[in-house]
Amino acid sequence: MRKAIEHGLDLVEVAAAADPPVCRIMDFDKYRYELSKKQKEAKKKQTVVETKEIKFRPKTEEHDLNFKIKQIKKFLQQKNKVKVTMRFRGREIVYAQTIGLEAMRKIADLLREDCVIQQEPVMEGRQLVMFVGPK
């Protein structure tokens, strides 16, 4: 403590669990400032991956399907994951294993060169869900 006071610095406990506890003489305010600078720099370099969602219906027409696939490709170019959802309403649920899976496979085939299929189509309640991510 005396040495730290003589030099006008702080005595900082580095490892409290050690026996005996380890302390360091340093300027604590300067240390905190440098630590916050490093954290800000690390935060700038990290990339945030968002999950976008595109919804279809089993009777979505060809043109609308192509338009939505174009949107998916745009999201993938922005390095976002995409959740492709096909919602079945009312009696449409009967077509989930036929028309629904066929449409999802078609979408997956059209996107194969642009993305990685992270999760194959799976039924979640009344929805058929597939996740795709950027290459």
C-alpha atoms as a PDB file:
ATOM      1  CA  MET A   1       0.000   0.000   0.000  1.00  0.00           C
ATOM      2  CA  ARG A   2       2.844   2.339   0.920  1.00  0.00           C
ATOM      3  CA  LYS A   3       4.638   1.833  -2.420  1.00  0.00           C
ATOM      4  CA  ALA A   4       1.432   2.526  -4.341  1.00  0.00           C
ATOM      5  CA  ILE A   5       0.818   5.721  -2.364  1.00  0.00           C
ATOM      6  CA  GLU A   6       4.457   6.839  -2.854  1.00  0.00           C
ATOM      7  CA  HIS A   7       4.137   6.481  -6.648  1.00  0.00           C
ATOM      8  CA  GLY A   8       0.673   8.062  -6.699  1.00  0.00           C
ATOM      9  CA  LEU A   9      -0.900   4.914  -8.163  1.00  0.00           C
ATOM     10  CA  ASP A  10      -3.533   2.378  -7.091  1.00  0.00           C
ATOM     11  CA  LEU A  11      -3.085  -1.087  -5.600  1.00  0.00           C
ATOM     12  CA  VAL A  12      -5.326  -3.428  -7.641  1.00  0.00           C
ATOM     13  CA  GLU A  13      -6.097  -6.993  -6.592  1.00  0.00           C
ATOM     14  CA  VAL A  14      -5.565  -9.173  -9.694  1.00  0.00           C
ATOM     15  CA  ALA A  15      -6.172 -12.710  -8.398  1.00  0.00           C
ATOM     16  CA  ALA A  16      -8.118 -12.896  -5.161  1.00  0.00           C
ATOM     17  CA  ALA A  17      -8.407 -16.691  -5.230  1.00  0.00           C
ATOM     18  CA  ALA A  18      -4.618 -17.209  -5.247  1.00  0.00           C
ATOM     19  CA  ASP A  19      -2.778 -17.919  -2.013  1.00  0.00           C
ATOM     20  CA  PRO A  20      -1.451 -15.305  -1.193  1.00  0.00           C
ATOM     21  CA  PRO A  21      -3.680 -12.879  -3.188  1.00  0.00           C
ATOM     22  CA  VAL A  22      -1.904 -11.231  -6.137  1.00  0.00           C
ATOM     23  CA  CYS A  23      -1.935  -7.427  -6.383  1.00  0.00           C
ATOM     24  CA  ARG A  24      -0.536  -4.990  -8.936  1.00  0.00           C
ATOM     25  CA  ILE A  25       0.416  -1.328  -8.655  1.00  0.00           C
ATOM     26  CA  MET A  26      -1.142   0.586 -11.565  1.00  0.00           C
ATOM     27  CA  ASP A  27      -3.196   3.610 -12.557  1.00  0.00           C
ATOM     28  CA  PHE A  28      -6.659   2.045 -12.318  1.00  0.00           C
ATOM     29  CA  ASP A  29      -8.483   4.830 -14.185  1.00  0.00           C
ATOM     30  CA  LYS A  30      -6.119   4.486 -17.146  1.00  0.00           C
ATOM     31  CA  TYR A  31      -6.576   0.687 -17.062  1.00  0.00           C
ATOM     32  CA  ARG A  32     -10.384   1.029 -17.092  1.00  0.00           C
ATOM     33  CA  TYR A  33     -10.197   3.509 -19.985  1.00  0.00           C
ATOM     34  CA  GLU A  34      -8.014   1.174 -22.075  1.00  0.00           C
ATOM     35  CA  LEU A  35     -10.293  -1.756 -21.293  1.00  0.00           C
ATOM     36  CA  SER A  36     -13.372   0.178 -22.472  1.00  0.00           C
ATOM     37  CA  LYS A  37     -11.512   1.158 -25.669  1.00  0.00           C
ATOM     38  CA  LYS A  38     -10.728  -2.514 -26.386  1.00  0.00           C
ATOM     39  CA  GLN A  39     -14.368  -3.489 -25.805  1.00  0.00           C
ATOM     40  CA  LYS A  40     -15.624  -0.780 -28.176  1.00  0.00           C
ATOM     41  CA  GLU A  41     -13.145  -1.888 -30.831  1.00  0.00           C
ATOM     42  CA  ALA A  42     -14.240  -5.519 -30.459  1.00  0.00           C
ATOM     43  CA  LYS A  43     -17.888  -4.476 -30.731  1.00  0.00           C
ATOM     44  CA  LYS A  44     -17.181  -2.665 -34.023  1.00  0.00           C
ATOM     45  CA  LYS A  45     -15.620  -5.774 -35.550  1.00  0.00           C
ATOM     46  CA  GLN A  46     -18.386  -8.217 -34.606  1.00  0.00           C
ATOM     47  CA  THR A  47     -21.110  -8.977 -37.120  1.00  0.00           C
ATOM     48  CA  VAL A  48     -24.725  -9.418 -36.088  1.00  0.00           C
ATOM     49  CA  VAL A  49     -26.598 -12.105 -37.999  1.00  0.00           C
ATOM     50  CA  GLU A  50     -30.312 -11.419 -38.156  1.00  0.00           C
ATOM     51  CA  THR A  51     -32.973 -13.980 -38.953  1.00  0.00           C
ATOM     52  CA  LYS A  52     -35.377 -12.771 -41.608  1.00  0.00           C
ATOM     53  CA  GLU A  53     -38.630 -14.594 -42.323  1.00  0.00           C
ATOM     54  CA  ILE A  54     -40.428 -15.191 -45.597  1.00  0.00           C
ATOM     55  CA  LYS A  55     -43.938 -16.656 -45.478  1.00  0.00           C
ATOM     56  CA  PHE A  56     -45.669 -18.673 -48.182  1.00  0.00           C
ATOM     57  CA  ARG A  57     -48.971 -20.446 -48.590  1.00  0.00           C
ATOM     58  CA  PRO A  58     -49.346 -23.790 -50.362  1.00  0.00           C
ATOM     59  CA  LYS A  59     -51.232 -22.190 -53.257  1.00  0.00           C
ATOM     60  CA  THR A  60     -48.765 -19.338 -53.859  1.00  0.00           C
ATOM     61  CA  GLU A  61     -48.493 -18.766 -57.616  1.00  0.00           C
ATOM     62  CA  GLU A  62     -45.264 -19.142 -59.622  1.00  0.00           C
ATOM     63  CA  HIS A  63     -44.609 -15.408 -60.099  1.00  0.00           C
ATOM     64  CA  ASP A  64     -45.118 -14.612 -56.409  1.00  0.00           C
ATOM     65  CA  LEU A  65     -42.902 -17.556 -55.484  1.00  0.00           C
ATOM     66  CA  ASN A  66     -40.110 -16.262 -57.749  1.00  0.00           C
ATOM     67  CA  PHE A  67     -40.457 -12.773 -56.264  1.00  0.00           C
ATOM     68  CA  LYS A  68     -40.115 -14.129 -52.728  1.00  0.00           C
ATOM     69  CA  ILE A  69     -37.122 -16.275 -53.732  1.00  0.00           C
ATOM     70  CA  LYS A  70     -35.502 -13.099 -55.064  1.00  0.00           C
ATOM     71  CA  GLN A  71     -36.100 -11.517 -51.625  1.00  0.00           C
ATOM     72  CA  ILE A  72     -34.515 -14.538 -49.920  1.00  0.00           C
ATOM     73  CA  LYS A  73     -31.435 -14.196 -52.148  1.00  0.00           C
ATOM     74  CA  LYS A  74     -31.204 -10.509 -51.221  1.00  0.00           C
ATOM     75  CA  PHE A  75     -31.317 -11.366 -47.508  1.00  0.00           C
ATOM     76  CA  LEU A  76     -28.633 -14.023 -47.983  1.00  0.00           C
ATOM     77  CA  GLN A  77     -26.363 -11.522 -49.777  1.00  0.00           C
ATOM     78  CA  GLN A  78     -26.675  -9.290 -46.701  1.00  0.00           C
ATOM     79  CA  LYS A  79     -25.351 -12.274 -44.649  1.00  0.00           C
ATOM     80  CA  ASN A  80     -28.655 -12.885 -42.832  1.00  0.00           C
ATOM     81  CA  LYS A  81     -30.276 -16.218 -42.065  1.00  0.00           C
ATOM     82  CA  VAL A  82     -33.726 -16.777 -43.522  1.00  0.00           C
ATOM     83  CA  LYS A  83     -36.624 -18.693 -42.022  1.00  0.00           C
ATOM     84  CA  VAL A  84     -38.839 -19.967 -44.823  1.00  0.00           C
ATOM     85  CA  THR A  85     -42.348 -20.634 -43.500  1.00  0.00           C
ATOM     86  CA  MET A  86     -45.301 -22.201 -45.266  1.00  0.00           C
ATOM     87  CA  ARG A  87     -48.501 -21.681 -43.305  1.00  0.00           C
ATOM     88  CA  PHE A  88     -51.500 -23.961 -43.754  1.00  0.00           C
ATOM     89  CA  ARG A  89     -54.944 -22.598 -42.916  1.00  0.00           C
ATOM     90  CA  GLY A  90     -58.091 -24.603 -42.390  1.00  0.00           C
ATOM     91  CA  ARG A  91     -58.317 -27.693 -44.570  1.00  0.00           C
ATOM     92  CA  GLU A  92     -55.039 -26.928 -46.355  1.00  0.00           C
ATOM     93  CA  ILE A  93     -53.238 -28.928 -43.638  1.00  0.00           C
ATOM     94  CA  VAL A  94     -54.132 -32.063 -45.633  1.00  0.00           C
ATOM     95  CA  TYR A  95     -51.602 -30.961 -48.306  1.00  0.00           C
ATOM     96  CA  ALA A  96     -48.717 -30.413 -45.880  1.00  0.00           C
ATOM     97  CA  GLN A  97     -46.874 -33.657 -46.694  1.00  0.00           C
ATOM     98  CA  THR A  98     -47.513 -33.481 -50.455  1.00  0.00           C
ATOM     99  CA  ILE A  99     -47.820 -29.997 -51.952  1.00  0.00           C
ATOM    100  CA  GLY A 100     -46.066 -28.319 -49.013  1.00  0.00           C
ATOM    101  CA  LEU A 101     -42.950 -30.497 -49.019  1.00  0.00           C
ATOM    102  CA  GLU A 102     -42.796 -30.395 -52.809  1.00  0.00           C
ATOM    103  CA  ALA A 103     -42.888 -26.579 -52.800  1.00  0.00           C
ATOM    104  CA  MET A 104     -40.223 -26.395 -50.063  1.00  0.00           C
ATOM    105  CA  ARG A 105     -37.952 -28.763 -52.011  1.00  0.00           C
ATOM    106  CA  LYS A 106     -38.426 -26.601 -55.109  1.00  0.00           C
ATOM    107  CA  ILE A 107     -37.452 -23.493 -53.124  1.00  0.00           C
ATOM    108  CA  ALA A 108     -34.424 -25.301 -51.670  1.00  0.00           C
ATOM    109  CA  ASP A 109     -33.301 -26.417 -55.155  1.00  0.00           C
ATOM    110  CA  LEU A 110     -33.569 -22.868 -56.504  1.00  0.00           C
ATOM    111  CA  LEU A 111     -31.518 -21.529 -53.573  1.00  0.00           C
ATOM    112  CA  ARG A 112     -28.889 -24.294 -53.367  1.00  0.00           C
ATOM    113  CA  GLU A 113     -26.085 -22.374 -55.109  1.00  0.00           C
ATOM    114  CA  ASP A 114     -26.626 -19.245 -52.974  1.00  0.00           C
ATOM    115  CA  CYS A 115     -27.074 -20.748 -49.517  1.00  0.00           C
ATOM    116  CA  VAL A 116     -26.669 -23.612 -47.099  1.00  0.00           C
ATOM    117  CA  ILE A 117     -29.782 -25.423 -45.883  1.00  0.00           C
ATOM    118  CA  GLN A 118     -29.370 -25.330 -42.100  1.00  0.00           C
ATOM    119  CA  GLN A 119     -32.603 -27.136 -41.269  1.00  0.00           C
ATOM    120  CA  GLU A 120     -34.647 -29.264 -43.641  1.00  0.00           C
ATOM    121  CA  PRO A 121     -38.422 -28.601 -43.799  1.00  0.00           C
ATOM    122  CA  VAL A 122     -40.099 -29.614 -40.521  1.00  0.00           C
ATOM    123  CA  MET A 123     -43.723 -29.306 -39.402  1.00  0.00           C
ATOM    124  CA  GLU A 124     -44.216 -26.967 -36.421  1.00  0.00           C
ATOM    125  CA  GLY A 125     -47.915 -26.959 -35.636  1.00  0.00           C
ATOM    126  CA  ARG A 126     -49.710 -25.744 -38.771  1.00  0.00           C
ATOM    127  CA  GLN A 127     -46.510 -24.473 -40.389  1.00  0.00           C
ATOM    128  CA  LEU A 128     -43.782 -26.080 -42.452  1.00  0.00           C
ATOM    129  CA  VAL A 129     -40.477 -24.421 -41.525  1.00  0.00           C
ATOM    130  CA  MET A 130     -37.019 -24.465 -43.155  1.00  0.00           C
ATOM    131  CA  PHE A 131     -33.913 -22.452 -42.238  1.00  0.00           C
ATOM    132  CA  VAL A 132     -31.324 -21.346 -44.800  1.00  0.00           C
ATOM    133  CA  GLY A 133     -28.111 -19.457 -44.181  1.00  0.00           C
ATOM    134  CA  PRO A 134     -25.489 -17.687 -46.304  1.00  0.00           C
ATOM    135  CA  LYS A 135     -22.506 -19.595 -47.699  1.00  0.00           C
END
